[in-house]
PDB file of N, CA and C in Angstrom:
ATOM      1  N   UNK A   1     108.391 113.754  98.729  1.00  0.00           N
ATOM      2  CA  UNK A   1     108.169 114.572  98.690  1.00  0.00           C
ATOM      3  C   UNK A   1     108.233 115.638  97.989  1.00  0.00           C
ATOM      4  N   UNK A   2     107.405 116.912  97.431  1.00  0.00           N
ATOM      5  CA  UNK A   2     107.659 117.826  96.223  1.00  0.00           C
ATOM      6  C   UNK A   2     108.092 118.872  97.093  1.00  0.00           C
ATOM      7  N   UNK A   3     109.362 119.189  96.034  1.00  0.00           N
ATOM      8  CA  UNK A   3     110.006 120.571  96.364  1.00  0.00           C
ATOM      9  C   UNK A   3     109.929 121.301  95.558  1.00  0.00           C
ATOM     10  N   UNK A   4     110.212 122.771  95.670  1.00  0.00           N
ATOM     11  CA  UNK A   4     110.153 123.811  94.551  1.00  0.00           C
ATOM     12  C   UNK A   4     111.319 124.757  94.577  1.00  0.00           C
ATOM     13  N   UNK A   5     112.047 125.059  93.912  1.00  0.00           N
ATOM     14  CA  UNK A   5     113.507 125.829  94.119  1.00  0.00           C
ATOM     15  C   UNK A   5     112.841 127.242  93.090  1.00  0.00           C
ATOM     16  N   UNK A   6     113.596 128.273  93.202  1.00  0.00           N
ATOM     17  CA  UNK A   6     113.587 129.165  92.528  1.00  0.00           C
ATOM     18  C   UNK A   6     114.800 129.200  91.404  1.00  0.00           C
ATOM     19  N   UNK A   7     114.630 129.389  90.270  1.00  0.00           N
ATOM     20  CA  UNK A   7     115.330 129.578  88.936  1.00  0.00           C
ATOM     21  C   UNK A   7     115.465 130.451  88.449  1.00  0.00           C
ATOM     22  N   UNK A   8     116.348 131.500  87.609  1.00  0.00           N
ATOM     23  CA  UNK A   8     116.161 132.462  86.692  1.00  0.00           C
ATOM     24  C   UNK A   8     115.616 131.861  85.684  1.00  0.00           C
ATOM     25  N   UNK A   9     114.768 133.289  84.866  1.00  0.00           N
ATOM     26  CA  UNK A   9     114.295 132.939  83.763  1.00  0.00           C
ATOM     27  C   UNK A   9     115.296 132.347  82.908  1.00  0.00           C
ATOM     28  N   UNK A  10     116.220 133.165  82.624  1.00  0.00           N
ATOM     29  CA  UNK A  10     117.026 132.927  81.653  1.00  0.00           C
ATOM     30  C   UNK A  10     117.660 131.255  81.390  1.00  0.00           C
ATOM     31  N   UNK A  11     118.174 130.766  82.845  1.00  0.00           N
ATOM     32  CA  UNK A  11     118.037 128.917  83.082  1.00  0.00           C
ATOM     33  C   UNK A  11     117.100 128.222  82.699  1.00  0.00           C
ATOM     34  N   UNK A  12     116.337 128.409  82.619  1.00  0.00           N
ATOM     35  CA  UNK A  12     114.890 127.891  82.452  1.00  0.00           C
ATOM     36  C   UNK A  12     114.707 128.338  80.614  1.00  0.00           C
ATOM     37  N   UNK A  13     114.849 129.231  80.155  1.00  0.00           N
ATOM     38  CA  UNK A  13     114.974 129.139  78.815  1.00  0.00           C
ATOM     39  C   UNK A  13     115.961 128.645  77.695  1.00  0.00           C
ATOM     40  N   UNK A  14     117.297 128.423  78.757  1.00  0.00           N
ATOM     41  CA  UNK A  14     118.140 127.944  78.077  1.00  0.00           C
ATOM     42  C   UNK A  14     118.193 126.623  78.032  1.00  0.00           C
ATOM     43  N   UNK A  15     117.603 125.862  79.201  1.00  0.00           N
ATOM     44  CA  UNK A  15     117.080 124.121  79.032  1.00  0.00           C
ATOM     45  C   UNK A  15     116.322 124.135  77.770  1.00  0.00           C
ATOM     46  N   UNK A  16     114.800 125.092  77.662  1.00  0.00           N
ATOM     47  CA  UNK A  16     113.648 125.007  76.792  1.00  0.00           C
ATOM     48  C   UNK A  16     114.364 124.790  75.193  1.00  0.00           C
ATOM     49  N   UNK A  17     115.930 125.875  75.357  1.00  0.00           N
ATOM     50  CA  UNK A  17     116.625 125.423  73.929  1.00  0.00           C
ATOM     51  C   UNK A  17     118.017 124.821  73.794  1.00  0.00           C
ATOM     52  N   UNK A  18     117.426 123.699  74.377  1.00  0.00           N
ATOM     53  CA  UNK A  18     118.853 122.491  74.553  1.00  0.00           C
ATOM     54  C   UNK A  18     118.345 121.787  73.093  1.00  0.00           C
ATOM     55  N   UNK A  19     119.548 121.396  72.679  1.00  0.00           N
ATOM     56  CA  UNK A  19     120.018 120.441  71.623  1.00  0.00           C
ATOM     57  C   UNK A  19     120.956 119.907  71.201  1.00  0.00           C
ATOM     58  N   UNK A  20     120.941 118.479  70.687  1.00  0.00           N
ATOM     59  CA  UNK A  20     122.352 117.956  70.311  1.00  0.00           C
ATOM     60  C   UNK A  20     123.418 118.653  69.571  1.00  0.00           C
ATOM     61  N   UNK A  21     124.567 118.818  70.046  1.00  0.00           N
ATOM     62  CA  UNK A  21     125.053 119.312  68.998  1.00  0.00           C
ATOM     63  C   UNK A  21     125.181 118.806  67.794  1.00  0.00           C
ATOM     64  N   UNK A  22     125.308 120.032  66.711  1.00  0.00           N
ATOM     65  CA  UNK A  22     125.779 119.556  65.572  1.00  0.00           C
ATOM     66  C   UNK A  22     125.946 118.040  64.898  1.00  0.00           C
ATOM     67  N   UNK A  23     127.402 117.983  65.550  1.00  0.00           N
ATOM     68  CA  UNK A  23     127.995 116.889  64.733  1.00  0.00           C
ATOM     69  C   UNK A  23     126.907 115.409  65.486  1.00  0.00           C
ATOM     70  N   UNK A  24     126.292 115.408  66.606  1.00  0.00           N
ATOM     71  CA  UNK A  24     125.952 114.430  66.946  1.00  0.00           C
ATOM     72  C   UNK A  24     124.433 114.404  66.131  1.00  0.00           C
ATOM     73  N   UNK A  25     123.889 115.440  65.788  1.00  0.00           N
ATOM     74  CA  UNK A  25     122.456 115.170  64.986  1.00  0.00           C
ATOM     75  C   UNK A  25     122.616 115.001  63.830  1.00  0.00           C
ATOM     76  N   UNK A  26     123.670 114.722  63.458  1.00  0.00           N
ATOM     77  CA  UNK A  26     124.032 114.336  62.231  1.00  0.00           C
ATOM     78  C   UNK A  26     124.668 113.012  62.440  1.00  0.00           C
ATOM     79  N   UNK A  27     125.064 112.690  63.365  1.00  0.00           N
ATOM     80  CA  UNK A  27     125.091 111.148  63.269  1.00  0.00           C
ATOM     81  C   UNK A  27     124.320 110.064  63.814  1.00  0.00           C
ATOM     82  N   UNK A  28     123.016 111.024  64.443  1.00  0.00           N
ATOM     83  CA  UNK A  28     122.116 110.386  64.696  1.00  0.00           C
ATOM     84  C   UNK A  28     121.193 110.343  63.504  1.00  0.00           C
ATOM     85  N   UNK A  29     121.032 111.217  62.676  1.00  0.00           N
ATOM     86  CA  UNK A  29     120.340 111.276  61.265  1.00  0.00           C
ATOM     87  C   UNK A  29     120.429 110.054  60.333  1.00  0.00           C
ATOM     88  N   UNK A  30     122.281 109.686  60.402  1.00  0.00           N
ATOM     89  CA  UNK A  30     123.009 108.909  59.886  1.00  0.00           C
ATOM     90  C   UNK A  30     122.868 107.359  60.179  1.00  0.00           C
ATOM     91  N   UNK A  31     122.929 107.505  61.280  1.00  0.00           N
ATOM     92  CA  UNK A  31     122.340 105.913  62.067  1.00  0.00           C
ATOM     93  C   UNK A  31     120.877 105.525  61.580  1.00  0.00           C
ATOM     94  N   UNK A  32     120.080 106.562  61.507  1.00  0.00           N
ATOM     95  CA  UNK A  32     118.418 106.032  61.340  1.00  0.00           C
ATOM     96  C   UNK A  32     118.162 106.122  60.148  1.00  0.00           C
ATOM     97  N   UNK A  33     119.053 106.791  58.569  1.00  0.00           N
ATOM     98  CA  UNK A  33     118.905 106.521  57.613  1.00  0.00           C
ATOM     99  C   UNK A  33     118.930 104.899  57.567  1.00  0.00           C
ATOM    100  N   UNK A  34     120.233 104.254  58.096  1.00  0.00           N
ATOM    101  CA  UNK A  34     121.492 103.153  57.756  1.00  0.00           C
ATOM    102  C   UNK A  34     120.076 102.183  58.397  1.00  0.00           C
ATOM    103  N   UNK A  35     119.871 103.155  59.806  1.00  0.00           N
ATOM    104  CA  UNK A  35     119.013 101.221  60.371  1.00  0.00           C
ATOM    105  C   UNK A  35     117.699 100.646  59.649  1.00  0.00           C
ATOM    106  N   UNK A  36     117.065 102.248  59.169  1.00  0.00           N
ATOM    107  CA  UNK A  36     116.021 101.817  57.632  1.00  0.00           C
ATOM    108  C   UNK A  36     116.792 100.558  56.699  1.00  0.00           C
ATOM    109  N   UNK A  37     117.586 101.425  56.008  1.00  0.00           N
ATOM    110  CA  UNK A  37     118.043 100.231  55.581  1.00  0.00           C
ATOM    111  C   UNK A  37     118.519  99.027  56.037  1.00  0.00           C
ATOM    112  N   UNK A  38     118.503  98.791  57.208  1.00  0.00           N
ATOM    113  CA  UNK A  38     119.698  97.629  57.453  1.00  0.00           C
ATOM    114  C   UNK A  38     120.732  97.097  57.446  1.00  0.00           C
ATOM    115  N   UNK A  39     121.076  98.259  57.790  1.00  0.00           N
ATOM    116  CA  UNK A  39     122.889  98.676  57.495  1.00  0.00           C
ATOM    117  C   UNK A  39     123.617  98.570  58.800  1.00  0.00           C
ATOM    118  N   UNK A  40     123.124  98.523  60.133  1.00  0.00           N
ATOM    119  CA  UNK A  40     123.570  98.691  60.846  1.00  0.00           C
ATOM    120  C   UNK A  40     125.037  97.586  62.006  1.00  0.00           C
ATOM    121  N   UNK A  41     125.618  98.035  62.676  1.00  0.00           N
ATOM    122  CA  UNK A  41     126.085  96.492  63.289  1.00  0.00           C
ATOM    123  C   UNK A  41     125.925  96.111  64.707  1.00  0.00           C
ATOM    124  N   UNK A  42     125.979  95.468  65.475  1.00  0.00           N
ATOM    125  CA  UNK A  42     125.325  95.416  66.417  1.00  0.00           C
ATOM    126  C   UNK A  42     125.673  96.906  67.600  1.00  0.00           C
ATOM    127  N   UNK A  43     126.760  97.143  67.538  1.00  0.00           N
ATOM    128  CA  UNK A  43     127.006  98.278  68.046  1.00  0.00           C
ATOM    129  C   UNK A  43     126.770  99.339  68.072  1.00  0.00           C
ATOM    130  N   UNK A  44     126.463  99.683  66.683  1.00  0.00           N
ATOM    131  CA  UNK A  44     125.703 100.966  66.115  1.00  0.00           C
ATOM    132  C   UNK A  44     124.458 100.830  66.538  1.00  0.00           C
ATOM    133  N   UNK A  45     123.690  99.654  66.342  1.00  0.00           N
ATOM    134  CA  UNK A  45     121.982 100.072  66.865  1.00  0.00           C
ATOM    135  C   UNK A  45     121.944 100.120  68.553  1.00  0.00           C
ATOM    136  N   UNK A  46     123.063  99.563  69.038  1.00  0.00           N
ATOM    137  CA  UNK A  46     122.955 100.130  70.653  1.00  0.00           C
ATOM    138  C   UNK A  46     123.403 101.282  71.103  1.00  0.00           C
ATOM    139  N   UNK A  47     124.190 102.275  69.720  1.00  0.00           N
ATOM    140  CA  UNK A  47     124.685 103.627  69.851  1.00  0.00           C
ATOM    141  C   UNK A  47     123.510 104.392  69.482  1.00  0.00           C
ATOM    142  N   UNK A  48     122.676 103.717  68.705  1.00  0.00           N
ATOM    143  CA  UNK A  48     121.565 104.660  67.983  1.00  0.00           C
ATOM    144  C   UNK A  48     120.384 104.774  69.257  1.00  0.00           C
ATOM    145  N   UNK A  49     119.952 103.157  69.732  1.00  0.00           N
ATOM    146  CA  UNK A  49     119.401 103.288  71.075  1.00  0.00           C
ATOM    147  C   UNK A  49     119.144 104.591  71.724  1.00  0.00           C
ATOM    148  N   UNK A  50     120.648 103.881  72.324  1.00  0.00           N
ATOM    149  CA  UNK A  50     120.680 105.234  73.291  1.00  0.00           C
ATOM    150  C   UNK A  50     121.003 106.673  72.975  1.00  0.00           C
ATOM    151  N   UNK A  51     121.178 107.005  71.484  1.00  0.00           N
ATOM    152  CA  UNK A  51     121.138 108.410  71.446  1.00  0.00           C
ATOM    153  C   UNK A  51     119.265 108.571  71.435  1.00  0.00           C
ATOM    154  N   UNK A  52     118.623 107.909  70.889  1.00  0.00           N
ATOM    155  CA  UNK A  52     117.436 108.010  70.863  1.00  0.00           C
ATOM    156  C   UNK A  52     116.358 108.049  72.237  1.00  0.00           C
ATOM    157  N   UNK A  53     117.077 107.658  72.813  1.00  0.00           N
ATOM    158  CA  UNK A  53     116.708 107.511  74.557  1.00  0.00           C
ATOM    159  C   UNK A  53     116.871 108.774  74.961  1.00  0.00           C
ATOM    160  N   UNK A  54     118.347 109.375  75.128  1.00  0.00           N
ATOM    161  CA  UNK A  54     118.327 110.716  75.255  1.00  0.00           C
ATOM    162  C   UNK A  54     117.534 111.884  74.600  1.00  0.00           C
ATOM    163  N   UNK A  55     117.217 111.583  72.993  1.00  0.00           N
ATOM    164  CA  UNK A  55     116.750 112.775  72.456  1.00  0.00           C
ATOM    165  C   UNK A  55     115.277 112.349  73.275  1.00  0.00           C
ATOM    166  N   UNK A  56     114.250 111.312  73.212  1.00  0.00           N
ATOM    167  CA  UNK A  56     113.375 111.384  73.813  1.00  0.00           C
ATOM    168  C   UNK A  56     113.104 112.109  75.394  1.00  0.00           C
ATOM    169  N   UNK A  57     114.533 112.008  76.154  1.00  0.00           N
ATOM    170  CA  UNK A  57     114.333 112.324  77.897  1.00  0.00           C
ATOM    171  C   UNK A  57     114.452 113.897  77.450  1.00  0.00           C
ATOM    172  N   UNK A  58     115.442 114.256  76.770  1.00  0.00           N
ATOM    173  CA  UNK A  58     115.779 115.965  76.154  1.00  0.00           C
ATOM    174  C   UNK A  58     114.480 116.423  76.315  1.00  0.00           C
ATOM    175  N   UNK A  59     113.485 116.066  75.145  1.00  0.00           N
ATOM    176  CA  UNK A  59     112.436 116.235  74.717  1.00  0.00           C
ATOM    177  C   UNK A  59     111.907 116.653  75.712  1.00  0.00           C
ATOM    178  N   UNK A  60     111.295 115.987  76.463  1.00  0.00           N
ATOM    179  CA  UNK A  60     110.644 115.559  77.740  1.00  0.00           C
ATOM    180  C   UNK A  60     111.287 116.726  78.712  1.00  0.00           C
ATOM    181  N   UNK A  61     112.287 116.862  78.789  1.00  0.00           N
ATOM    182  CA  UNK A  61     112.542 118.178  79.790  1.00  0.00           C
ATOM    183  C   UNK A  61     112.751 119.678  79.208  1.00  0.00           C
ATOM    184  N   UNK A  62     112.911 119.290  78.004  1.00  0.00           N
ATOM    185  CA  UNK A  62     112.743 120.694  77.275  1.00  0.00           C
ATOM    186  C   UNK A  62     111.065 121.024  77.101  1.00  0.00           C
ATOM    187  N   UNK A  63     110.281 120.443  77.477  1.00  0.00           N
ATOM    188  CA  UNK A  63     108.726 120.338  76.672  1.00  0.00           C
ATOM    189  C   UNK A  63     108.314 120.846  78.406  1.00  0.00           C
ATOM    190  N   UNK A  64     109.383 120.339  79.777  1.00  0.00           N
ATOM    191  CA  UNK A  64     108.808 120.792  80.966  1.00  0.00           C
ATOM    192  C   UNK A  64     109.018 122.310  81.509  1.00  0.00           C
ATOM    193  N   UNK A  65     109.983 122.203  80.535  1.00  0.00           N
ATOM    194  CA  UNK A  65     110.930 123.633  80.544  1.00  0.00           C
ATOM    195  C   UNK A  65     110.045 124.562  79.980  1.00  0.00           C
ATOM    196  N   UNK A  66     109.282 124.783  79.035  1.00  0.00           N
ATOM    197  CA  UNK A  66     108.851 125.152  77.724  1.00  0.00           C
ATOM    198  C   UNK A  66     107.155 125.349  79.079  1.00  0.00           C
ATOM    199  N   UNK A  67     106.591 124.668  79.304  1.00  0.00           N
ATOM    200  CA  UNK A  67     105.468 124.991  80.410  1.00  0.00           C
ATOM    201  C   UNK A  67     105.950 125.582  81.146  1.00  0.00           C
ATOM    202  N   UNK A  68     106.575 125.497  81.938  1.00  0.00           N
ATOM    203  CA  UNK A  68     107.625 126.322  83.287  1.00  0.00           C
ATOM    204  C   UNK A  68     107.302 128.138  82.784  1.00  0.00           C
ATOM    205  N   UNK A  69     108.177 128.109  81.358  1.00  0.00           N
ATOM    206  CA  UNK A  69     108.241 129.369  80.767  1.00  0.00           C
ATOM    207  C   UNK A  69     106.553 129.876  80.564  1.00  0.00           C
ATOM    208  N   UNK A  70     105.714 129.210  79.964  1.00  0.00           N
ATOM    209  CA  UNK A  70     104.342 129.611  79.937  1.00  0.00           C
ATOM    210  C   UNK A  70     103.611 130.043  81.042  1.00  0.00           C
ATOM    211  N   UNK A  71     104.152 129.896  81.655  1.00  0.00           N
ATOM    212  CA  UNK A  71     103.552 129.735  82.951  1.00  0.00           C
ATOM    213  C   UNK A  71     103.655 131.122  83.555  1.00  0.00           C
ATOM    214  N   UNK A  72     105.242 131.527  83.317  1.00  0.00           N
ATOM    215  CA  UNK A  72     105.495 132.773  83.588  1.00  0.00           C
ATOM    216  C   UNK A  72     105.413 133.532  83.137  1.00  0.00           C
ATOM    217  N   UNK A  73     105.508 133.387  81.815  1.00  0.00           N
ATOM    218  CA  UNK A  73     105.090 134.683  81.020  1.00  0.00           C
ATOM    219  C   UNK A  73     103.395 135.502  81.312  1.00  0.00           C
ATOM    220  N   UNK A  74     102.676 133.902  81.910  1.00  0.00           N
ATOM    221  CA  UNK A  74     101.303 134.401  81.985  1.00  0.00           C
ATOM    222  C   UNK A  74     101.471 135.371  83.271  1.00  0.00           C
ATOM    223  N   UNK A  75     101.806 135.061  84.237  1.00  0.00           N
ATOM    224  CA  UNK A  75     102.050 135.264  85.457  1.00  0.00           C
ATOM    225  C   UNK A  75     102.560 137.014  85.453  1.00  0.00           C
ATOM    226  N   UNK A  76     103.573 137.019  84.686  1.00  0.00           N
ATOM    227  CA  UNK A  76     104.211 138.221  84.485  1.00  0.00           C
ATOM    228  C   UNK A  76     104.056 139.134  83.482  1.00  0.00           C
TER     229      UNK A  76
END
């Protein structure tokens, strides 16, 4: 069953703008570069996979929030 809740516009904006902290972005970039060079340990590879999955999920959530913001702006 689908339910609808009301949320403040600002809250949806904040979700649409969510990003990894700078340190985490740097770590992800470093792990990706080292992975391309074949230089990751098994633990680092697992950590990279977890960060990539989290990044993908965050991207989907941000996209959904942006769609909601677009609909809200058209209605407003």
